[in-house]
Amino acid sequence: MQENRTLQFRYCMSLEFSEPVWKHQFALRMIPQTDDRQTISACRIDLKPECDYSDSVDSFGNRYIYGEIDRLHNEFCVEVSGEAAVRKDTQLACDNKMIELAPYRFPSQYTKAGDALKKYYRLHGLREGEGVLAFAARLLHQIYEDMEYVQGVTDIRTTAEEALAGKRGVCQDYAHIMLALCRIADIPSRYVVGMMQGEGFSHAWVEVCADGRWYGIDPTNDQVVDDTYIKISHGRDYQDCIVNRGTFRGGGTQTQRVEVVVTV
């Protein structure tokens, strides 16, 4: 019988405001949930200032919480902690209905192909007779070889086309590039946000659909997703998986800090 790896996780996010804010509405996608590859237990959610919140699921199946803080505050902190039992075989069941896979087959805001992506696909695209997983494995290594991991040269608005043209970026960029190329090949693929053992921040990777299963691929680290990864959410691209969305009344500036700890 296959053994699961047990991981302890803690995801902390804080926002500091230079001036008090109020009427602070928030929606948070930072809570792992149980699926075919992971079982989440002892999950605890702590908010400061303390407030009531509601729990829901978005159109992609991601769990999120939302609420509103009416009173004045200068800091907003969220900590999600718990335990994840993750399978070594990390495939996920996939609904093969065309309507269910459609959002993951076509270009999205961050994955539209321009000249750089089209040229790259001509060089490294799907070959005649090549299977989806063989193509994904080859593309995984190619992107890792051709890109340089550099922080600060891209931001949350950078597209796959821009990142590939510059040949530098972070995990979000690597994932968007792989998504764009898979979708040119008409392979359903989706953006994933999660946590990884040893990471200091959240991480992004890709899932590709083959033979009725979703397979996790991490081009940033040149490896297949294994039992050291905890998944939080998935969508068409970064935009569908934003961890914190919110509005508030008040002025000044805000500073965000994120700390992610995953241990065995």
Protein backbone atom coordinates (compact mmCIF):
# COMPACT_ATOMS: atom_id res chain seq x y z
CA MET A 1 0.00 0.00 0.00
CA GLN A 2 1.32 3.43 -0.92
CA GLU A 3 2.39 5.64 1.97
CA ASN A 4 1.52 9.32 2.07
CA ARG A 5 4.02 11.99 3.00
CA THR A 6 2.77 14.14 5.88
CA LEU A 7 3.61 17.83 5.60
CA GLN A 8 2.99 20.61 8.09
CA PHE A 9 2.22 23.95 6.52
CA ARG A 10 1.84 27.56 7.57
CA TYR A 11 0.92 30.37 5.19
CA CYS A 12 1.10 33.90 6.63
CA MET A 13 0.19 37.11 4.86
CA SER A 14 0.14 40.57 6.39
CA LEU A 15 -0.83 44.00 5.06
CA GLU A 16 0.40 47.12 6.84
CA PHE A 17 -1.33 50.43 6.08
CA SER A 18 0.40 53.77 6.59
CA GLU A 19 -2.96 55.31 7.52
CA PRO A 20 -6.01 53.65 9.10
CA VAL A 21 -8.49 51.94 6.77
CA TRP A 22 -12.07 50.76 7.27
CA LYS A 23 -14.87 49.08 5.32
CA HIS A 24 -12.18 46.56 4.37
CA GLN A 25 -13.69 43.84 2.16
CA PHE A 26 -11.48 40.82 1.42
CA ALA A 27 -11.53 37.52 -0.49
CA LEU A 28 -8.68 35.10 0.26
CA ARG A 29 -7.59 32.09 -1.81
CA MET A 30 -4.85 30.64 0.37
CA ILE A 31 -6.52 27.57 1.86
CA PRO A 32 -5.53 24.08 0.60
CA GLN A 33 -8.37 21.61 0.21
CA THR A 34 -8.65 17.85 0.05
CA ASP A 35 -8.61 16.22 -3.41
CA ASP A 36 -7.32 13.04 -5.09
CA ARG A 37 -3.68 13.77 -4.24
CA GLN A 38 -3.81 15.43 -0.83
CA THR A 39 -5.82 15.20 2.38
CA ILE A 40 -5.92 18.37 4.48
CA SER A 41 -6.53 18.11 8.22
CA ALA A 42 -6.35 20.26 11.34
CA CYS A 43 -6.66 23.37 9.17
CA ARG A 44 -6.80 26.57 11.19
CA ILE A 45 -7.54 30.08 9.91
CA ASP A 46 -6.61 33.09 12.05
CA LEU A 47 -7.51 36.66 11.10
CA LYS A 48 -6.42 39.93 12.70
CA PRO A 49 -8.38 42.05 13.37
CA GLU A 50 -10.78 39.29 14.36
CA CYS A 51 -13.92 39.27 12.22
CA ASP A 52 -16.64 37.02 10.89
CA TYR A 53 -16.11 35.51 7.47
CA SER A 54 -17.90 33.23 5.04
CA ASP A 55 -16.63 30.20 3.13
CA SER A 56 -17.31 29.52 -0.55
CA VAL A 57 -16.01 27.85 -3.73
CA ASP A 58 -15.34 29.69 -7.01
CA SER A 59 -16.15 28.55 -10.56
CA PHE A 60 -12.84 26.67 -10.80
CA GLY A 61 -13.48 24.70 -7.61
CA ASN A 62 -11.12 26.71 -5.41
CA ARG A 63 -12.07 27.32 -1.80
CA TYR A 64 -11.96 30.91 -0.56
CA ILE A 65 -13.12 32.94 2.41
CA TYR A 66 -14.53 36.45 2.33
CA GLY A 67 -15.66 39.08 4.79
CA GLU A 68 -15.60 42.71 5.82
CA ILE A 69 -13.93 44.65 8.65
CA ASP A 70 -15.86 47.81 9.44
CA ARG A 71 -13.67 49.28 12.17
CA LEU A 72 -10.45 51.25 11.74
CA HIS A 73 -7.24 49.21 11.52
CA ASN A 74 -3.63 49.67 10.39
CA GLU A 75 -2.81 46.01 9.86
CA PHE A 76 -4.52 42.97 8.36
CA CYS A 77 -3.00 39.54 9.03
CA VAL A 78 -4.04 36.07 7.93
CA GLU A 79 -2.45 32.80 8.98
CA VAL A 80 -3.53 29.43 7.58
CA SER A 81 -1.92 26.36 9.11
CA GLY A 82 -2.52 22.64 9.15
CA GLU A 83 -1.38 19.25 7.95
CA ALA A 84 -1.39 17.69 4.48
CA ALA A 85 -1.06 13.99 3.70
CA VAL A 86 0.17 13.95 0.09
CA ARG A 87 0.29 10.92 -2.18
CA LYS A 88 3.51 10.03 -3.95
CA ASP A 89 1.44 9.33 -7.08
CA THR A 90 0.17 12.86 -7.55
CA GLN A 91 -2.14 12.49 -10.55
CA LEU A 92 -5.60 14.02 -10.38
CA ALA A 93 -8.79 12.83 -12.01
CA CYS A 94 -9.79 14.99 -14.96
CA ASP A 95 -13.27 15.60 -16.34
CA ASN A 96 -12.92 14.95 -20.06
CA LYS A 97 -16.11 16.78 -21.01
CA MET A 98 -15.25 19.38 -23.66
CA ILE A 99 -17.19 22.08 -21.82
CA GLU A 100 -15.22 21.46 -18.60
CA LEU A 101 -11.82 21.59 -20.31
CA ALA A 102 -12.59 24.52 -22.61
CA PRO A 103 -11.28 27.26 -20.24
CA TYR A 104 -7.89 25.53 -20.20
CA ARG A 105 -7.52 25.00 -23.95
CA PHE A 106 -7.48 28.59 -25.19
CA PRO A 107 -5.24 31.65 -24.61
CA SER A 108 -6.01 33.72 -21.52
CA GLN A 109 -4.96 37.20 -20.42
CA TYR A 110 -1.40 36.17 -19.58
CA THR A 111 -0.88 33.38 -22.14
CA LYS A 112 -1.65 34.96 -25.52
CA ALA A 113 1.03 34.03 -28.03
CA GLY A 114 2.99 36.73 -29.85
CA ASP A 115 6.02 36.45 -32.13
CA ALA A 116 8.38 35.16 -29.41
CA LEU A 117 6.10 32.32 -28.30
CA LYS A 118 5.17 31.34 -31.87
CA LYS A 119 8.85 31.18 -32.86
CA TYR A 120 9.68 29.14 -29.75
CA TYR A 121 6.84 26.72 -30.51
CA ARG A 122 8.09 26.23 -34.08
CA LEU A 123 11.39 25.10 -32.57
CA HIS A 124 10.11 23.05 -29.64
CA GLY A 125 6.42 22.35 -30.29
CA LEU A 126 4.53 19.07 -30.30
CA ARG A 127 6.06 16.58 -32.74
CA GLU A 128 4.16 14.13 -34.90
CA GLY A 129 3.30 11.01 -32.90
CA GLU A 130 4.54 12.50 -29.62
CA GLY A 131 2.38 11.90 -26.55
CA VAL A 132 1.22 14.68 -24.25
CA LEU A 133 3.38 13.59 -21.31
CA ALA A 134 6.47 13.12 -23.46
CA PHE A 135 5.95 16.60 -24.90
CA ALA A 136 5.39 18.09 -21.43
CA ALA A 137 8.58 16.46 -20.11
CA ARG A 138 10.63 17.74 -23.05
CA LEU A 139 9.14 21.23 -22.78
CA LEU A 140 9.74 21.25 -19.03
CA HIS A 141 13.48 20.77 -19.53
CA GLN A 142 13.65 23.19 -22.47
CA ILE A 143 12.04 26.09 -20.62
CA TYR A 144 14.27 25.46 -17.61
CA GLU A 145 17.36 25.56 -19.85
CA ASP A 146 16.34 28.66 -21.78
CA MET A 147 15.03 30.82 -18.93
CA GLU A 148 16.98 32.41 -16.08
CA TYR A 149 15.35 32.69 -12.68
CA VAL A 150 15.73 36.35 -11.68
CA GLN A 151 13.54 38.24 -9.22
CA GLY A 152 12.52 41.84 -9.85
CA VAL A 153 12.73 41.87 -13.66
CA THR A 154 9.05 40.92 -14.08
CA ASP A 155 5.94 41.64 -12.02
CA ILE A 156 2.38 40.37 -11.64
CA ARG A 157 1.37 42.06 -14.91
CA THR A 158 4.06 40.40 -17.06
CA THR A 159 2.71 38.12 -19.78
CA ALA A 160 4.20 34.86 -21.04
CA GLU A 161 5.17 36.60 -24.28
CA GLU A 162 7.07 39.35 -22.44
CA ALA A 163 8.81 36.94 -20.06
CA LEU A 164 9.97 34.62 -22.87
CA ALA A 165 11.22 37.56 -24.93
CA GLY A 166 13.31 38.67 -21.96
CA LYS A 167 14.32 35.08 -21.04
CA ARG A 168 14.16 35.93 -17.34
CA GLY A 169 11.52 35.75 -14.65
CA VAL A 170 10.10 33.86 -11.68
CA CYS A 171 7.77 30.89 -11.18
CA GLN A 172 4.70 32.77 -12.40
CA ASP A 173 6.46 33.52 -15.68
CA TYR A 174 7.76 29.97 -16.17
CA ALA A 175 4.24 28.63 -15.61
CA HIS A 176 2.64 31.12 -18.01
CA ILE A 177 5.15 30.27 -20.75
CA MET A 178 4.46 26.55 -20.41
CA LEU A 179 0.71 27.14 -20.41
CA ALA A 180 0.92 29.23 -23.57
CA LEU A 181 2.93 26.58 -25.42
CA CYS A 182 0.69 23.71 -24.29
CA ARG A 183 -2.38 25.60 -25.43
CA ILE A 184 -0.86 26.27 -28.84
CA ALA A 185 -0.62 22.47 -29.04
CA ASP A 186 -4.30 22.23 -28.00
CA ILE A 187 -3.38 20.51 -24.74
CA PRO A 188 -5.65 21.49 -21.82
CA SER A 189 -3.44 23.00 -19.12
CA ARG A 190 -4.01 25.07 -16.01
CA TYR A 191 -2.12 27.39 -13.69
CA VAL A 192 -1.59 26.18 -10.12
CA VAL A 193 -0.69 28.06 -6.94
CA GLY A 194 0.55 26.19 -3.91
CA MET A 195 3.30 25.59 -1.43
CA MET A 196 6.51 23.61 -1.72
CA GLN A 197 8.75 22.17 0.96
CA GLY A 198 11.59 24.57 1.64
CA GLU A 199 9.94 27.56 -0.08
CA GLY A 200 9.78 30.93 1.63
CA PHE A 201 6.86 32.08 -0.54
CA SER A 202 3.96 30.56 -2.42
CA HIS A 203 4.88 28.77 -5.67
CA ALA A 204 3.33 28.38 -9.13
CA TRP A 205 3.38 25.41 -11.49
CA VAL A 206 1.29 23.81 -14.27
CA GLU A 207 -1.07 20.86 -14.62
CA VAL A 208 -1.53 19.26 -18.05
CA CYS A 209 -4.39 16.94 -18.97
CA ALA A 210 -3.56 13.55 -20.49
CA ASP A 211 -5.54 10.30 -20.61
CA GLY A 212 -8.18 11.55 -18.21
CA ARG A 213 -5.72 12.74 -15.54
CA TRP A 214 -4.10 16.02 -14.52
CA TYR A 215 -0.31 15.83 -14.17
CA GLY A 216 1.68 18.43 -12.22
CA ILE A 217 4.72 19.93 -13.98
CA ASP A 218 7.10 22.47 -12.43
CA PRO A 219 9.22 24.19 -15.10
CA THR A 220 10.84 26.52 -12.56
CA ASN A 221 12.52 23.55 -10.86
CA ASP A 222 12.72 21.24 -13.90
CA GLN A 223 10.74 18.47 -12.23
CA VAL A 224 7.44 16.65 -12.03
CA VAL A 225 5.31 17.68 -9.05
CA ASP A 226 5.72 15.16 -6.24
CA ASP A 227 4.66 14.69 -2.62
CA THR A 228 6.61 17.74 -1.43
CA TYR A 229 4.03 20.06 -3.03
CA ILE A 230 0.74 21.24 -1.50
CA LYS A 231 -1.80 22.62 -3.93
CA ILE A 232 -3.97 25.64 -3.05
CA SER A 233 -5.80 26.68 -6.24
CA HIS A 234 -5.89 26.45 -10.03
CA GLY A 235 -7.26 28.46 -12.95
CA ARG A 236 -6.56 29.70 -16.46
CA ASP A 237 -3.62 31.84 -15.29
CA TYR A 238 -2.42 33.98 -12.37
CA GLN A 239 -5.51 36.18 -12.50
CA ASP A 240 -7.78 33.31 -11.41
CA CYS A 241 -5.58 32.41 -8.43
CA ILE A 242 -4.83 35.76 -6.80
CA VAL A 243 -4.37 35.02 -3.11
CA ASN A 244 -5.77 38.29 -1.75
CA ARG A 245 -8.37 40.52 -3.37
CA GLY A 246 -9.81 43.41 -1.45
CA THR A 247 -11.09 46.95 -1.26
CA PHE A 248 -11.09 49.42 1.62
CA ARG A 249 -11.67 53.04 2.50
CA GLY A 250 -8.77 55.16 3.58
CA GLY A 251 -5.59 56.58 2.15
CA GLY A 252 -1.86 56.07 2.44
CA THR A 253 0.29 53.23 1.24
CA GLN A 254 0.28 49.51 1.99
CA THR A 255 3.07 46.97 2.45
CA GLN A 256 2.47 43.26 1.99
CA ARG A 257 4.56 40.48 3.54
CA VAL A 258 4.20 36.76 2.84
CA GLU A 259 5.84 33.84 4.61
CA VAL A 260 5.27 30.20 3.69
CA VAL A 261 6.72 27.34 5.72
CA VAL A 262 6.31 23.66 4.76
CA THR A 263 8.05 20.98 6.82
CA VAL A 264 7.94 17.18 7.11
